[in-house]
C-alpha cells in the first residue's frame, strides 16, 4: 500500500515538473510575442506620427499659398512661385 502511495506521489511530482516546464516554455513564447507586438506597435506609431507631421507640413505650405493669394499688399510679399514650390515639395514629401 505504501509503495503504491509513493508511486502515485512520484507520478504526480513528474506531472507537475512537466507542467512547470510547459509553463516556462509558454512564458518564453509569450515574451517573444510581446516583443514582436511591441515592435509592430512602435512601427505603426512612427508611421502615424510621420503622416501627421507630413500633413502638417502640407497644411502649412497650402496656407502660405492661400495667404499669399489673399495678401492685399501683394507687391510687398515674396513671389507666388516661392510658395508654389514649397507647396509642391510638401505634397511630394520632401
PDB file of N, CA and C in Angstrom:
ATOM      1  N   UNK A   1       0.804  -1.190   0.000  1.00  0.00           N
ATOM      2  CA  UNK A   1       0.000   0.000   0.000  1.00  0.00           C
ATOM      3  C   UNK A   1       0.858   1.270   0.000  1.00  0.00           C
ATOM      4  N   UNK A   2       1.818   1.286   0.884  1.00  0.00           N
ATOM      5  CA  UNK A   2       2.691   2.440   0.967  1.00  0.00           C
ATOM      6  C   UNK A   2       3.465   2.638  -0.319  1.00  0.00           C
ATOM      7  N   UNK A   3       3.861   1.560  -0.928  1.00  0.00           N
ATOM      8  CA  UNK A   3       4.598   1.623  -2.196  1.00  0.00           C
ATOM      9  C   UNK A   3       3.723   2.248  -3.276  1.00  0.00           C
ATOM     10  N   UNK A   4       2.464   1.893  -3.303  1.00  0.00           N
ATOM     11  CA  UNK A   4       1.504   2.449  -4.258  1.00  0.00           C
ATOM     12  C   UNK A   4       1.366   3.960  -4.039  1.00  0.00           C
ATOM     13  N   UNK A   5       1.319   4.390  -2.781  1.00  0.00           N
ATOM     14  CA  UNK A   5       1.223   5.797  -2.441  1.00  0.00           C
ATOM     15  C   UNK A   5       2.441   6.564  -2.970  1.00  0.00           C
ATOM     16  N   UNK A   6       3.636   6.005  -2.777  1.00  0.00           N
ATOM     17  CA  UNK A   6       4.859   6.657  -3.252  1.00  0.00           C
ATOM     18  C   UNK A   6       4.937   6.678  -4.775  1.00  0.00           C
ATOM     19  N   UNK A   7       4.437   5.639  -5.418  1.00  0.00           N
ATOM     20  CA  UNK A   7       4.404   5.629  -6.886  1.00  0.00           C
ATOM     21  C   UNK A   7       3.479   6.734  -7.400  1.00  0.00           C
ATOM     22  N   UNK A   8       2.317   6.876  -6.762  1.00  0.00           N
ATOM     23  CA  UNK A   8       1.382   7.932  -7.159  1.00  0.00           C
ATOM     24  C   UNK A   8       1.996   9.312  -6.894  1.00  0.00           C
ATOM     25  N   UNK A   9       2.640   9.445  -5.751  1.00  0.00           N
ATOM     26  CA  UNK A   9       3.278  10.712  -5.414  1.00  0.00           C
ATOM     27  C   UNK A   9       4.398  11.034  -6.398  1.00  0.00           C
ATOM     28  N   UNK A  10       5.191  10.030  -6.744  1.00  0.00           N
ATOM     29  CA  UNK A  10       6.270  10.219  -7.714  1.00  0.00           C
ATOM     30  C   UNK A  10       5.704  10.609  -9.085  1.00  0.00           C
ATOM     31  N   UNK A  11       4.626   9.946  -9.479  1.00  0.00           N
ATOM     32  CA  UNK A  11       3.986  10.269 -10.755  1.00  0.00           C
ATOM     33  C   UNK A  11       3.451  11.705 -10.749  1.00  0.00           C
ATOM     34  N   UNK A  12       2.870  12.116  -9.622  1.00  0.00           N
ATOM     35  CA  UNK A  12       2.348  13.480  -9.506  1.00  0.00           C
ATOM     36  C   UNK A  12       3.491  14.501  -9.560  1.00  0.00           C
ATOM     37  N   UNK A  13       4.604  14.191  -8.921  1.00  0.00           N
ATOM     38  CA  UNK A  13       5.767  15.083  -8.971  1.00  0.00           C
ATOM     39  C   UNK A  13       6.261  15.228 -10.410  1.00  0.00           C
ATOM     40  N   UNK A  14       6.355  14.133 -11.147  1.00  0.00           N
ATOM     41  CA  UNK A  14       6.794  14.182 -12.549  1.00  0.00           C
ATOM     42  C   UNK A  14       5.798  14.971 -13.409  1.00  0.00           C
ATOM     43  N   UNK A  15       4.510  14.771 -13.137  1.00  0.00           N
ATOM     44  CA  UNK A  15       3.486  15.521 -13.885  1.00  0.00           C
ATOM     45  C   UNK A  15       3.619  17.011 -13.610  1.00  0.00           C
ATOM     46  N   UNK A  16       3.822  17.375 -12.355  1.00  0.00           N
ATOM     47  CA  UNK A  16       3.957  18.783 -12.007  1.00  0.00           C
ATOM     48  C   UNK A  16       5.237  19.386 -12.583  1.00  0.00           C
ATOM     49  N   UNK A  17       6.312  18.634 -12.606  1.00  0.00           N
ATOM     50  CA  UNK A  17       7.550  19.116 -13.212  1.00  0.00           C
ATOM     51  C   UNK A  17       7.359  19.345 -14.714  1.00  0.00           C
ATOM     52  N   UNK A  18       6.666  18.416 -15.359  1.00  0.00           N
ATOM     53  CA  UNK A  18       6.394  18.564 -16.799  1.00  0.00           C
ATOM     54  C   UNK A  18       5.500  19.777 -17.046  1.00  0.00           C
ATOM     55  N   UNK A  19       4.494  19.950 -16.200  1.00  0.00           N
ATOM     56  CA  UNK A  19       3.596  21.104 -16.332  1.00  0.00           C
ATOM     57  C   UNK A  19       4.369  22.405 -16.111  1.00  0.00           C
ATOM     58  N   UNK A  20       5.253  22.410 -15.134  1.00  0.00           N
ATOM     59  CA  UNK A  20       6.086  23.581 -14.863  1.00  0.00           C
ATOM     60  C   UNK A  20       6.962  23.912 -16.070  1.00  0.00           C
ATOM     61  N   UNK A  21       7.557  22.898 -16.664  1.00  0.00           N
ATOM     62  CA  UNK A  21       8.402  23.106 -17.846  1.00  0.00           C
ATOM     63  C   UNK A  21       7.581  23.649 -19.009  1.00  0.00           C
ATOM     64  N   UNK A  22       6.361  23.122 -19.176  1.00  0.00           N
ATOM     65  CA  UNK A  22       5.471  23.605 -20.235  1.00  0.00           C
ATOM     66  C   UNK A  22       5.125  25.076 -20.003  1.00  0.00           C
ATOM     67  N   UNK A  23       4.871  25.444 -18.756  1.00  0.00           N
ATOM     68  CA  UNK A  23       4.552  26.835 -18.439  1.00  0.00           C
ATOM     69  C   UNK A  23       5.747  27.760 -18.687  1.00  0.00           C
ATOM     70  N   UNK A  24       6.934  27.273 -18.364  1.00  0.00           N
ATOM     71  CA  UNK A  24       8.150  28.064 -18.616  1.00  0.00           C
ATOM     72  C   UNK A  24       8.314  28.303 -20.116  1.00  0.00           C
ATOM     73  N   UNK A  25       8.127  27.263 -20.914  1.00  0.00           N
ATOM     74  CA  UNK A  25       8.220  27.407 -22.374  1.00  0.00           C
ATOM     75  C   UNK A  25       7.146  28.341 -22.902  1.00  0.00           C
ATOM     76  N   UNK A  26       5.947  28.205 -22.363  1.00  0.00           N
ATOM     77  CA  UNK A  26       4.843  29.069 -22.791  1.00  0.00           C
ATOM     78  C   UNK A  26       5.150  30.531 -22.462  1.00  0.00           C
ATOM     79  N   UNK A  27       5.722  30.772 -21.286  1.00  0.00           N
ATOM     80  CA  UNK A  27       6.088  32.126 -20.888  1.00  0.00           C
ATOM     81  C   UNK A  27       7.158  32.695 -21.825  1.00  0.00           C
ATOM     82  N   UNK A  28       8.111  31.876 -22.218  1.00  0.00           N
ATOM     83  CA  UNK A  28       9.141  32.328 -23.165  1.00  0.00           C
ATOM     84  C   UNK A  28       8.512  32.717 -24.504  1.00  0.00           C
ATOM     85  N   UNK A  29       7.607  31.874 -24.976  1.00  0.00           N
ATOM     86  CA  UNK A  29       6.935  32.171 -26.250  1.00  0.00           C
ATOM     87  C   UNK A  29       6.135  33.464 -26.142  1.00  0.00           C
ATOM     88  N   UNK A  30       5.449  33.655 -25.017  1.00  0.00           N
ATOM     89  CA  UNK A  30       4.668  34.876 -24.843  1.00  0.00           C
ATOM     90  C   UNK A  30       5.572  36.090 -24.805  1.00  0.00           C
ATOM     91  N   UNK A  31       6.756  35.958 -24.208  1.00  0.00           N
ATOM     92  CA  UNK A  31       7.702  37.069 -24.165  1.00  0.00           C
ATOM     93  C   UNK A  31       8.156  37.443 -25.570  1.00  0.00           C
ATOM     94  N   UNK A  32       8.424  36.437 -26.390  1.00  0.00           N
ATOM     95  CA  UNK A  32       8.827  36.684 -27.778  1.00  0.00           C
ATOM     96  C   UNK A  32       7.690  37.381 -28.523  1.00  0.00           C
ATOM     97  N   UNK A  33       6.455  36.903 -28.315  1.00  0.00           N
ATOM     98  CA  UNK A  33       5.312  37.537 -28.986  1.00  0.00           C
ATOM     99  C   UNK A  33       5.118  38.970 -28.502  1.00  0.00           C
ATOM    100  N   UNK A  34       5.333  39.193 -27.211  1.00  0.00           N
ATOM    101  CA  UNK A  34       5.179  40.544 -26.670  1.00  0.00           C
ATOM    102  C   UNK A  34       6.196  41.498 -27.286  1.00  0.00           C
ATOM    103  N   UNK A  35       7.424  41.032 -27.452  1.00  0.00           N
ATOM    104  CA  UNK A  35       8.457  41.865 -28.075  1.00  0.00           C
ATOM    105  C   UNK A  35       8.083  42.160 -29.522  1.00  0.00           C
ATOM    106  N   UNK A  36       7.593  41.149 -30.237  1.00  0.00           N
ATOM    107  CA  UNK A  36       7.179  41.321 -31.630  1.00  0.00           C
ATOM    108  C   UNK A  36       6.022  42.306 -31.732  1.00  0.00           C
ATOM    109  N   UNK A  37       5.030  42.160 -30.864  1.00  0.00           N
ATOM    110  CA  UNK A  37       3.884  43.074 -30.874  1.00  0.00           C
ATOM    111  C   UNK A  37       4.314  44.496 -30.541  1.00  0.00           C
ATOM    112  N   UNK A  38       5.211  44.644 -29.595  1.00  0.00           N
ATOM    113  CA  UNK A  38       5.694  45.982 -29.238  1.00  0.00           C
ATOM    114  C   UNK A  38       6.412  46.625 -30.414  1.00  0.00           C
ATOM    115  N   UNK A  39       7.210  45.839 -31.130  1.00  0.00           N
ATOM    116  CA  UNK A  39       7.929  46.365 -32.296  1.00  0.00           C
ATOM    117  C   UNK A  39       6.944  46.802 -33.372  1.00  0.00           C
ATOM    118  N   UNK A  40       5.906  46.001 -33.600  1.00  0.00           N
ATOM    119  CA  UNK A  40       4.894  46.366 -34.602  1.00  0.00           C
ATOM    120  C   UNK A  40       4.146  47.622 -34.176  1.00  0.00           C
ATOM    121  N   UNK A  41       3.813  47.705 -32.900  1.00  0.00           N
ATOM    122  CA  UNK A  41       3.130  48.878 -32.369  1.00  0.00           C
ATOM    123  C   UNK A  41       3.991  50.132 -32.547  1.00  0.00           C
ATOM    124  N   UNK A  42       5.274  50.018 -32.197  1.00  0.00           N
ATOM    125  CA  UNK A  42       6.200  51.147 -32.355  1.00  0.00           C
ATOM    126  C   UNK A  42       6.294  51.590 -33.807  1.00  0.00           C
ATOM    127  N   UNK A  43       6.320  50.622 -34.732  1.00  0.00           N
ATOM    128  CA  UNK A  43       6.398  50.932 -36.161  1.00  0.00           C
ATOM    129  C   UNK A  43       5.148  51.673 -36.623  1.00  0.00           C
ATOM    130  N   UNK A  44       3.983  51.202 -36.195  1.00  0.00           N
ATOM    131  CA  UNK A  44       2.722  51.862 -36.568  1.00  0.00           C
ATOM    132  C   UNK A  44       2.679  53.279 -36.004  1.00  0.00           C
ATOM    133  N   UNK A  45       3.108  53.440 -34.755  1.00  0.00           N
ATOM    134  CA  UNK A  45       3.117  54.782 -34.150  1.00  0.00           C
ATOM    135  C   UNK A  45       4.055  55.725 -34.898  1.00  0.00           C
ATOM    136  N   UNK A  46       5.210  55.208 -35.269  1.00  0.00           N
ATOM    137  CA  UNK A  46       6.173  56.031 -36.002  1.00  0.00           C
ATOM    138  C   UNK A  46       5.597  56.458 -37.347  1.00  0.00           C
ATOM    139  N   UNK A  47       4.967  55.532 -38.056  1.00  0.00           N
ATOM    140  CA  UNK A  47       4.365  55.869 -39.355  1.00  0.00           C
ATOM    141  C   UNK A  47       3.220  56.865 -39.178  1.00  0.00           C
ATOM    142  N   UNK A  48       2.436  56.698 -38.125  1.00  0.00           N
ATOM    143  CA  UNK A  48       1.323  57.606 -37.883  1.00  0.00           C
ATOM    144  C   UNK A  48       1.843  59.016 -37.603  1.00  0.00           C
ATOM    145  N   UNK A  49       2.866  59.114 -36.745  1.00  0.00           N
ATOM    146  CA  UNK A  49       3.420  60.429 -36.443  1.00  0.00           C
ATOM    147  C   UNK A  49       4.043  61.071 -37.681  1.00  0.00           C
ATOM    148  N   UNK A  50       4.679  60.269 -38.516  1.00  0.00           N
ATOM    149  CA  UNK A  50       5.258  60.794 -39.758  1.00  0.00           C
ATOM    150  C   UNK A  50       4.151  61.326 -40.660  1.00  0.00           C
ATOM    151  N   UNK A  51       3.040  60.591 -40.730  1.00  0.00           N
ATOM    152  CA  UNK A  51       1.915  61.033 -41.567  1.00  0.00           C
ATOM    153  C   UNK A  51       1.318  62.329 -41.025  1.00  0.00           C
ATOM    154  N   UNK A  52       1.201  62.433 -39.715  1.00  0.00           N
ATOM    155  CA  UNK A  52       0.669  63.658 -39.110  1.00  0.00           C
ATOM    156  C   UNK A  52       1.608  64.821 -39.383  1.00  0.00           C
ATOM    157  N   UNK A  53       2.913  64.595 -39.213  1.00  0.00           N
ATOM    158  CA  UNK A  53       3.879  65.651 -39.481  1.00  0.00           C
ATOM    159  C   UNK A  53       3.847  66.082 -40.941  1.00  0.00           C
ATOM    160  N   UNK A  54       3.726  65.093 -41.843  1.00  0.00           N
ATOM    161  CA  UNK A  54       3.674  65.393 -43.279  1.00  0.00           C
ATOM    162  C   UNK A  54       2.433  66.214 -43.591  1.00  0.00           C
ATOM    163  N   UNK A  55       1.305  65.840 -43.013  1.00  0.00           N
ATOM    164  CA  UNK A  55       0.066  66.573 -43.243  1.00  0.00           C
ATOM    165  C   UNK A  55       0.206  67.997 -42.716  1.00  0.00           C
ATOM    166  N   UNK A  56       0.818  68.142 -41.577  1.00  0.00           N
ATOM    167  CA  UNK A  56       1.011  69.469 -41.009  1.00  0.00           C
ATOM    168  C   UNK A  56       1.873  70.322 -41.937  1.00  0.00           C
ATOM    169  N   UNK A  57       2.936  69.742 -42.479  1.00  0.00           N
ATOM    170  CA  UNK A  57       3.803  70.468 -43.405  1.00  0.00           C
ATOM    171  C   UNK A  57       3.024  70.863 -44.654  1.00  0.00           C
ATOM    172  N   UNK A  58       2.202  69.947 -45.148  1.00  0.00           N
ATOM    173  CA  UNK A  58       1.370  70.232 -46.320  1.00  0.00           C
ATOM    174  C   UNK A  58       0.381  71.346 -46.003  1.00  0.00           C
ATOM    175  N   UNK A  59      -0.210  71.292 -44.832  1.00  0.00           N
ATOM    176  CA  UNK A  59      -1.164  72.339 -44.453  1.00  0.00           C
ATOM    177  C   UNK A  59      -0.470  73.696 -44.341  1.00  0.00           C
ATOM    178  N   UNK A  60       0.736  73.714 -43.783  1.00  0.00           N
ATOM    179  CA  UNK A  60       1.476  74.992 -43.674  1.00  0.00           C
ATOM    180  C   UNK A  60       1.773  75.565 -45.055  1.00  0.00           C
ATOM    181  N   UNK A  61       2.220  74.693 -45.962  1.00  0.00           N
ATOM    182  CA  UNK A  61       2.553  75.164 -47.313  1.00  0.00           C
ATOM    183  C   UNK A  61       1.299  75.648 -48.034  1.00  0.00           C
ATOM    184  N   UNK A  62       0.213  74.929 -47.889  1.00  0.00           N
ATOM    185  CA  UNK A  62      -1.045  75.337 -48.542  1.00  0.00           C
ATOM    186  C   UNK A  62      -1.541  76.659 -47.966  1.00  0.00           C
ATOM    187  N   UNK A  63      -1.442  76.802 -46.643  1.00  0.00           N
ATOM    188  CA  UNK A  63      -1.877  78.054 -46.022  1.00  0.00           C
ATOM    189  C   UNK A  63      -1.034  79.225 -46.505  1.00  0.00           C
ATOM    190  N   UNK A  64       0.250  78.998 -46.720  1.00  0.00           N
ATOM    191  CA  UNK A  64       1.122  80.070 -47.226  1.00  0.00           C
ATOM    192  C   UNK A  64       0.679  80.509 -48.613  1.00  0.00           C
ATOM    193  N   UNK A  65       0.287  79.553 -49.458  1.00  0.00           N
ATOM    194  CA  UNK A  65      -0.213  79.905 -50.801  1.00  0.00           C
ATOM    195  C   UNK A  65      -1.497  80.710 -50.679  1.00  0.00           C
ATOM    196  N   UNK A  66      -2.390  80.259 -49.818  1.00  0.00           N
ATOM    197  CA  UNK A  66      -3.661  80.978 -49.624  1.00  0.00           C
ATOM    198  C   UNK A  66      -3.397  82.384 -49.095  1.00  0.00           C
ATOM    199  N   UNK A  67      -2.516  82.478 -48.088  1.00  0.00           N
ATOM    200  CA  UNK A  67      -2.201  83.801 -47.534  1.00  0.00           C
ATOM    201  C   UNK A  67      -1.603  84.725 -48.595  1.00  0.00           C
ATOM    202  N   UNK A  68      -0.735  84.171 -49.422  1.00  0.00           N
ATOM    203  CA  UNK A  68      -0.120  84.971 -50.497  1.00  0.00           C
ATOM    204  C   UNK A  68      -1.185  85.442 -51.473  1.00  0.00           C
ATOM    205  N   UNK A  69      -2.112  84.562 -51.785  1.00  0.00           N
ATOM    206  CA  UNK A  69      -3.179  84.890 -52.729  1.00  0.00           C
ATOM    207  C   UNK A  69      -4.043  86.028 -52.189  1.00  0.00           C
ATOM    208  N   UNK A  70      -4.247  86.013 -50.874  1.00  0.00           N
ATOM    209  CA  UNK A  70      -5.155  86.994 -50.269  1.00  0.00           C
ATOM    210  C   UNK A  70      -4.428  88.229 -49.722  1.00  0.00           C
ATOM    211  N   UNK A  71      -3.141  88.340 -49.956  1.00  0.00           N
ATOM    212  CA  UNK A  71      -2.372  89.478 -49.449  1.00  0.00           C
ATOM    213  C   UNK A  71      -2.776  90.752 -50.192  1.00  0.00           C
ATOM    214  N   UNK A  72      -3.248  91.737 -49.447  1.00  0.00           N
ATOM    215  CA  UNK A  72      -3.640  92.982 -50.126  1.00  0.00           C
ATOM    216  C   UNK A  72      -2.420  93.737 -50.674  1.00  0.00           C
ATOM    217  N   UNK A  73      -1.299  93.601 -49.996  1.00  0.00           N
ATOM    218  CA  UNK A  73      -0.081  94.261 -50.463  1.00  0.00           C
ATOM    219  C   UNK A  73       0.786  93.243 -51.193  1.00  0.00           C
ATOM    220  N   UNK A  74       0.247  92.684 -52.243  1.00  0.00           N
ATOM    221  CA  UNK A  74       0.924  91.578 -52.922  1.00  0.00           C
ATOM    222  C   UNK A  74       2.285  91.962 -53.473  1.00  0.00           C
ATOM    223  N   UNK A  75       2.492  93.208 -53.767  1.00  0.00           N
ATOM    224  CA  UNK A  75       3.790  93.623 -54.310  1.00  0.00           C
ATOM    225  C   UNK A  75       4.885  93.571 -53.234  1.00  0.00           C
ATOM    226  N   UNK A  76       4.493  93.637 -51.959  1.00  0.00           N
ATOM    227  CA  UNK A  76       5.463  93.605 -50.869  1.00  0.00           C
ATOM    228  C   UNK A  76       5.760  92.182 -50.387  1.00  0.00           C
ATOM    229  N   UNK A  77       5.039  91.208 -50.900  1.00  0.00           N
ATOM    230  CA  UNK A  77       5.217  89.811 -50.467  1.00  0.00           C
ATOM    231  C   UNK A  77       6.149  89.081 -51.429  1.00  0.00           C
ATOM    232  N   UNK A  78       6.764  87.981 -50.977  1.00  0.00           N
ATOM    233  CA  UNK A  78       7.599  87.193 -51.892  1.00  0.00           C
ATOM    234  C   UNK A  78       6.780  86.704 -53.091  1.00  0.00           C
ATOM    235  N   UNK A  79       7.469  86.342 -54.140  1.00  0.00           N
ATOM    236  CA  UNK A  79       6.791  85.890 -55.369  1.00  0.00           C
ATOM    237  C   UNK A  79       5.951  84.645 -55.090  1.00  0.00           C
ATOM    238  N   UNK A  80       4.822  84.556 -55.782  1.00  0.00           N
ATOM    239  CA  UNK A  80       3.924  83.411 -55.618  1.00  0.00           C
ATOM    240  C   UNK A  80       4.642  82.099 -55.897  1.00  0.00           C
ATOM    241  N   UNK A  81       5.571  82.107 -56.824  1.00  0.00           N
ATOM    242  CA  UNK A  81       6.302  80.885 -57.176  1.00  0.00           C
ATOM    243  C   UNK A  81       7.013  80.290 -55.956  1.00  0.00           C
ATOM    244  N   UNK A  82       7.502  81.144 -55.073  1.00  0.00           N
ATOM    245  CA  UNK A  82       8.165  80.667 -53.854  1.00  0.00           C
ATOM    246  C   UNK A  82       7.234  79.783 -53.047  1.00  0.00           C
ATOM    247  N   UNK A  83       5.991  80.194 -52.936  1.00  0.00           N
ATOM    248  CA  UNK A  83       5.011  79.431 -52.165  1.00  0.00           C
ATOM    249  C   UNK A  83       4.549  78.188 -52.917  1.00  0.00           C
ATOM    250  N   UNK A  84       4.435  78.308 -54.232  1.00  0.00           N
ATOM    251  CA  UNK A  84       4.034  77.153 -55.052  1.00  0.00           C
ATOM    252  C   UNK A  84       5.106  76.062 -54.969  1.00  0.00           C
ATOM    253  N   UNK A  85       6.372  76.440 -55.058  1.00  0.00           N
ATOM    254  CA  UNK A  85       7.450  75.443 -54.951  1.00  0.00           C
ATOM    255  C   UNK A  85       7.448  74.774 -53.576  1.00  0.00           C
ATOM    256  N   UNK A  86       7.215  75.549 -52.528  1.00  0.00           N
ATOM    257  CA  UNK A  86       7.146  74.982 -51.170  1.00  0.00           C
ATOM    258  C   UNK A  86       5.954  74.019 -51.060  1.00  0.00           C
ATOM    259  N   UNK A  87       4.846  74.385 -51.663  1.00  0.00           N
ATOM    260  CA  UNK A  87       3.670  73.512 -51.661  1.00  0.00           C
ATOM    261  C   UNK A  87       3.956  72.234 -52.437  1.00  0.00           C
ATOM    262  N   UNK A  88       4.588  72.362 -53.591  1.00  0.00           N
ATOM    263  CA  UNK A  88       4.940  71.189 -54.401  1.00  0.00           C
ATOM    264  C   UNK A  88       5.832  70.237 -53.599  1.00  0.00           C
ATOM    265  N   UNK A  89       6.833  70.797 -52.926  1.00  0.00           N
ATOM    266  CA  UNK A  89       7.730  69.970 -52.112  1.00  0.00           C
ATOM    267  C   UNK A  89       6.982  69.265 -50.967  1.00  0.00           C
ATOM    268  N   UNK A  90       6.059  69.999 -50.347  1.00  0.00           N
ATOM    269  CA  UNK A  90       5.296  69.404 -49.251  1.00  0.00           C
ATOM    270  C   UNK A  90       4.414  68.256 -49.737  1.00  0.00           C
ATOM    271  N   UNK A  91       3.819  68.410 -50.903  1.00  0.00           N
ATOM    272  CA  UNK A  91       2.981  67.356 -51.479  1.00  0.00           C
ATOM    273  C   UNK A  91       3.821  66.135 -51.811  1.00  0.00           C
ATOM    274  N   UNK A  92       5.031  66.362 -52.302  1.00  0.00           N
ATOM    275  CA  UNK A  92       5.926  65.249 -52.648  1.00  0.00           C
ATOM    276  C   UNK A  92       6.557  64.639 -51.401  1.00  0.00           C
ATOM    277  N   UNK A  93       6.470  65.317 -50.268  1.00  0.00           N
ATOM    278  CA  UNK A  93       7.026  64.791 -49.029  1.00  0.00           C
ATOM    279  C   UNK A  93       8.506  65.066 -48.858  1.00  0.00           C
ATOM    280  N   UNK A  94       8.987  66.128 -49.466  1.00  0.00           N
ATOM    281  CA  UNK A  94      10.418  66.468 -49.343  1.00  0.00           C
ATOM    282  C   UNK A  94      10.668  67.227 -48.071  1.00  0.00           C
TER     283      UNK A  94
END
